[in-house]
Amino acid sequence: MFGAGGAGLGAGIAIVVVIILLLIAMGIVF
């Protein structure tokens, strides 16, 4: 769980969170 698979899962979650924050930021700006 804490091997390559865990790292990939963590990266995937981080990317999703960043995308959501960017969408929220654009929603506030525009």
Protein backbone atom coordinates (compact mmCIF):
# COMPACT_ATOMS: atom_id res chain seq x y z
CA MET A 1 0.00 0.00 0.00
CA PHE A 2 2.90 2.34 0.80
CA GLY A 3 4.91 1.23 -2.22
CA ALA A 4 4.73 2.43 -5.82
CA GLY A 5 0.95 1.94 -5.81
CA GLY A 6 0.50 4.14 -2.76
CA ALA A 7 2.70 6.85 -4.26
CA GLY A 8 0.71 6.76 -7.50
CA LEU A 9 -2.56 6.97 -5.59
CA GLY A 10 -1.28 9.90 -3.57
CA ALA A 11 -0.14 11.70 -6.73
CA GLY A 12 -3.53 11.09 -8.36
CA ILE A 13 -5.40 12.52 -5.39
CA ALA A 14 -3.05 15.52 -5.28
CA ILE A 15 -3.64 16.20 -9.00
CA VAL A 16 -7.42 15.98 -8.56
CA VAL A 17 -7.29 18.40 -5.60
CA VAL A 18 -5.17 20.87 -7.60
CA ILE A 19 -7.58 20.72 -10.55
CA ILE A 20 -10.57 21.31 -8.26
CA LEU A 21 -8.82 24.29 -6.63
CA LEU A 22 -8.01 25.73 -10.07
CA LEU A 23 -11.64 25.37 -11.16
CA ILE A 24 -12.84 27.04 -7.95
CA ALA A 25 -10.29 29.84 -8.41
CA MET A 26 -11.40 30.42 -12.01
CA GLY A 27 -15.01 30.38 -10.85
CA ILE A 28 -14.26 33.10 -8.31
CA VAL A 29 -12.21 35.18 -10.76
CA PHE A 30 -14.71 34.91 -13.60
